[in-house]
Amino acid sequence: MRLLSQAWLALGLLIVTPLASAEDFGVANWGQNAMAVRDLEQRPNLTPLTERDYLIYEASLPGIHRTRLIYQFEDGRLETGRFIFSVAPGSPTSTWLDQFETVRALITQQYGEPAQQQVLQPAGSANNPPDNWSDALQRDAIILKTQWRTDQTLITQQLAWNGSRPHHQIIYLPVNGVDLSDLGASPF
């Protein structure tokens, strides 16, 4: 019987240990300094040499042309994380929409169903889903937004038109017991 108890204890430690050492964003925990993050990160570093407020790394996600992982620091502490995604040059706007769905599926696999999914439209619009999502995105008539929440982090995926092309990102923010219900409200 003692052997069975030891086996259950060992199995329990194997299950709990990864959860206890889980990172808040990338390889880091909220509040770590840039040097600690730099020491932990194994991906190719793309950060300009004199930059102190952020670190940029090359990341790789299946089915995504290019991904950048950005650690942002305030007063020397990790306060925000971002993934910024790109498609191959010359790709149609529909590729951005496909990429958004691919990333949403990957995050849902990791964190479960989103807490919120929105299609934001300018005030005064009919608030009906567009017939052509690519056209609506190009006209800057929609912003796609999906949010997940963990005990430590609010994760917001956004796809919007920015200047002359789409902008697809995921923003990670620490929760720290703060009410984030108004965070990321519609810019319209």
Protein backbone atom coordinates (compact mmCIF):
# COMPACT_ATOMS: atom_id res chain seq x y z
CA MET A 1 0.00 0.00 0.00
CA ARG A 2 2.89 2.38 0.79
CA LEU A 3 4.27 1.85 -2.74
CA LEU A 4 0.90 2.82 -4.26
CA SER A 5 0.79 6.01 -2.12
CA GLN A 6 4.29 6.95 -3.26
CA ALA A 7 3.30 6.38 -6.90
CA TRP A 8 0.26 8.69 -6.54
CA LEU A 9 2.41 11.35 -4.85
CA ALA A 10 5.00 11.19 -7.64
CA LEU A 11 2.25 11.42 -10.30
CA GLY A 12 0.70 14.37 -8.47
CA LEU A 13 4.03 16.22 -8.42
CA LEU A 14 4.50 15.62 -12.13
CA ILE A 15 1.09 17.11 -12.85
CA VAL A 16 1.32 20.10 -10.47
CA THR A 17 4.95 21.11 -11.15
CA PRO A 18 4.38 22.37 -14.74
CA LEU A 19 1.38 24.40 -13.58
CA ALA A 20 3.34 25.95 -10.72
CA SER A 21 6.17 26.98 -13.02
CA ALA A 22 3.98 28.17 -15.88
CA GLU A 23 5.03 31.48 -17.46
CA ASP A 24 2.76 34.50 -17.74
CA PHE A 25 4.05 35.51 -21.21
CA GLY A 26 6.63 33.82 -23.41
CA VAL A 27 9.26 32.42 -21.05
CA ALA A 28 8.77 35.15 -18.43
CA ASN A 29 6.61 36.10 -15.49
CA TRP A 30 5.06 39.52 -14.96
CA GLY A 31 7.42 41.87 -13.18
CA GLN A 32 10.69 40.25 -14.29
CA ASN A 33 13.42 42.59 -15.54
CA ALA A 34 14.81 42.58 -19.09
CA MET A 35 18.06 40.85 -18.10
CA ALA A 36 16.17 37.93 -16.54
CA VAL A 37 13.96 37.59 -19.64
CA ARG A 38 16.98 37.81 -21.96
CA ASP A 39 18.68 35.02 -19.97
CA LEU A 40 15.59 32.78 -20.28
CA GLU A 41 14.69 33.44 -23.93
CA GLN A 42 16.18 31.03 -26.48
CA ARG A 43 14.67 32.43 -29.71
CA PRO A 44 16.62 34.70 -32.09
CA ASN A 45 16.91 38.18 -30.52
CA LEU A 46 15.98 41.04 -32.89
CA THR A 47 16.13 43.86 -30.33
CA PRO A 48 18.09 47.01 -31.28
CA LEU A 49 21.24 47.21 -29.12
CA THR A 50 20.38 50.41 -27.25
CA GLU A 51 16.73 49.57 -26.53
CA ARG A 52 15.82 49.24 -22.84
CA ASP A 53 12.00 49.37 -22.86
CA TYR A 54 11.34 46.24 -24.92
CA LEU A 55 12.82 43.01 -26.25
CA ILE A 56 11.90 41.58 -29.67
CA TYR A 57 12.30 37.92 -30.61
CA GLU A 58 11.59 35.91 -33.71
CA ALA A 59 8.90 33.34 -33.00
CA SER A 60 7.41 30.57 -35.09
CA LEU A 61 3.81 29.42 -35.23
CA PRO A 62 2.46 26.78 -37.60
CA GLY A 63 0.82 28.27 -40.69
CA ILE A 64 1.98 31.84 -39.93
CA HIS A 65 4.42 33.59 -42.28
CA ARG A 66 6.22 35.73 -39.67
CA THR A 67 5.73 36.21 -35.94
CA ARG A 68 7.42 38.64 -33.59
CA LEU A 69 7.32 38.21 -29.81
CA ILE A 70 7.69 41.49 -27.90
CA TYR A 71 8.32 41.89 -24.18
CA GLN A 72 7.51 45.45 -23.03
CA PHE A 73 8.94 46.87 -19.79
CA GLU A 74 7.84 49.77 -17.63
CA ASP A 75 10.13 50.97 -14.85
CA GLY A 76 12.35 47.98 -15.66
CA ARG A 77 9.60 45.39 -15.11
CA LEU A 78 7.72 43.23 -17.64
CA GLU A 79 4.27 44.81 -17.97
CA THR A 80 2.98 43.82 -21.43
CA GLY A 81 3.59 41.10 -23.99
CA ARG A 82 2.68 41.06 -27.67
CA PHE A 83 2.73 38.78 -30.64
CA ILE A 84 2.67 40.63 -33.97
CA PHE A 85 1.88 38.57 -37.06
CA SER A 86 2.55 39.12 -40.77
CA VAL A 87 1.52 37.31 -43.91
CA ALA A 88 3.67 36.81 -47.00
CA PRO A 89 4.13 40.02 -49.02
CA GLY A 90 1.46 40.50 -51.67
CA SER A 91 -1.04 38.20 -49.94
CA PRO A 92 -4.71 39.16 -50.28
CA THR A 93 -6.60 40.53 -47.28
CA SER A 94 -8.45 37.22 -46.97
CA THR A 95 -5.12 35.64 -45.91
CA TRP A 96 -5.11 37.91 -42.86
CA LEU A 97 -8.60 36.71 -41.96
CA ASP A 98 -7.52 33.08 -42.34
CA GLN A 99 -4.47 33.76 -40.17
CA PHE A 100 -6.67 35.37 -37.50
CA GLU A 101 -8.80 32.21 -37.36
CA THR A 102 -5.70 29.97 -37.25
CA VAL A 103 -4.27 31.90 -34.32
CA ARG A 104 -7.64 31.97 -32.55
CA ALA A 105 -7.81 28.17 -32.83
CA LEU A 106 -4.25 27.81 -31.45
CA ILE A 107 -4.99 30.03 -28.46
CA THR A 108 -8.30 28.29 -27.82
CA GLN A 109 -6.44 24.96 -27.72
CA GLN A 110 -4.14 26.40 -25.08
CA TYR A 111 -6.58 28.44 -22.93
CA GLY A 112 -10.04 27.09 -23.74
CA GLU A 113 -12.99 28.90 -25.25
CA PRO A 114 -12.67 32.69 -25.42
CA ALA A 115 -14.37 34.81 -22.78
CA GLN A 116 -15.42 37.29 -25.47
CA GLN A 117 -15.57 37.53 -29.28
CA GLN A 118 -16.49 40.80 -30.97
CA VAL A 119 -16.82 42.40 -34.38
CA LEU A 120 -16.43 46.10 -33.62
CA GLN A 121 -17.97 48.53 -36.10
CA PRO A 122 -18.10 52.34 -36.22
CA ALA A 123 -20.87 54.00 -34.24
CA GLY A 124 -23.94 54.51 -36.38
CA SER A 125 -23.25 51.53 -38.62
CA ALA A 126 -25.93 48.92 -39.00
CA ASN A 127 -23.92 46.51 -36.77
CA ASN A 128 -24.77 43.71 -39.17
CA PRO A 129 -22.02 41.28 -40.15
CA PRO A 130 -20.57 42.41 -43.48
CA ASP A 131 -21.19 40.38 -46.63
CA ASN A 132 -17.50 40.59 -47.51
CA TRP A 133 -15.18 40.52 -44.48
CA SER A 134 -12.07 41.34 -46.55
CA ASP A 135 -13.72 44.40 -48.05
CA ALA A 136 -14.99 45.54 -44.63
CA LEU A 137 -11.50 45.18 -43.17
CA GLN A 138 -9.95 47.15 -46.07
CA ARG A 139 -12.50 49.93 -45.58
CA ASP A 140 -11.56 50.05 -41.87
CA ALA A 141 -15.20 49.23 -41.11
CA ILE A 142 -14.51 46.35 -38.68
CA ILE A 143 -12.11 45.29 -35.98
CA LEU A 144 -12.09 41.63 -35.01
CA LYS A 145 -11.39 41.04 -31.33
CA THR A 146 -11.22 37.91 -29.19
CA GLN A 147 -10.32 37.73 -25.50
CA TRP A 148 -9.27 34.99 -23.11
CA ARG A 149 -8.58 35.39 -19.41
CA THR A 150 -6.42 33.31 -17.09
CA ASP A 151 -5.81 33.84 -13.38
CA GLN A 152 -2.78 36.01 -14.21
CA THR A 153 -3.32 37.35 -17.73
CA LEU A 154 -5.82 39.00 -20.07
CA ILE A 155 -5.13 37.92 -23.66
CA THR A 156 -6.61 40.01 -26.49
CA GLN A 157 -6.30 39.09 -30.17
CA GLN A 158 -7.10 41.89 -32.64
CA LEU A 159 -7.23 42.27 -36.39
CA ALA A 160 -7.74 45.81 -37.69
CA TRP A 161 -6.84 47.98 -40.65
CA ASN A 162 -3.79 50.15 -39.97
CA GLY A 163 -2.78 52.71 -42.57
CA SER A 164 -2.59 50.76 -45.81
CA ARG A 165 -2.76 47.15 -44.54
CA PRO A 166 -4.12 44.91 -41.81
CA HIS A 167 -2.54 44.73 -38.37
CA HIS A 168 -2.84 41.44 -36.44
CA GLN A 169 -1.63 41.20 -32.88
CA ILE A 170 -2.16 39.53 -29.53
CA ILE A 171 -1.71 41.62 -26.39
CA TYR A 172 -0.99 39.98 -23.03
CA LEU A 173 -1.61 42.08 -19.90
CA PRO A 174 -1.24 41.08 -16.25
CA VAL A 175 -4.50 40.88 -14.33
CA ASN A 176 -3.07 41.41 -10.81
CA GLY A 177 -6.55 41.55 -9.31
CA VAL A 178 -7.48 44.56 -11.46
CA ASP A 179 -10.92 44.84 -13.06
CA LEU A 180 -10.18 44.79 -16.78
CA SER A 181 -13.77 44.76 -17.99
CA ASP A 182 -13.41 48.16 -19.71
CA LEU A 183 -9.97 47.43 -21.15
CA GLY A 184 -9.85 47.29 -24.91
CA ALA A 185 -13.19 49.03 -25.41
CA SER A 186 -14.12 49.89 -28.96
CA PRO A 187 -12.14 52.79 -30.41
CA PHE A 188 -15.26 53.90 -32.38
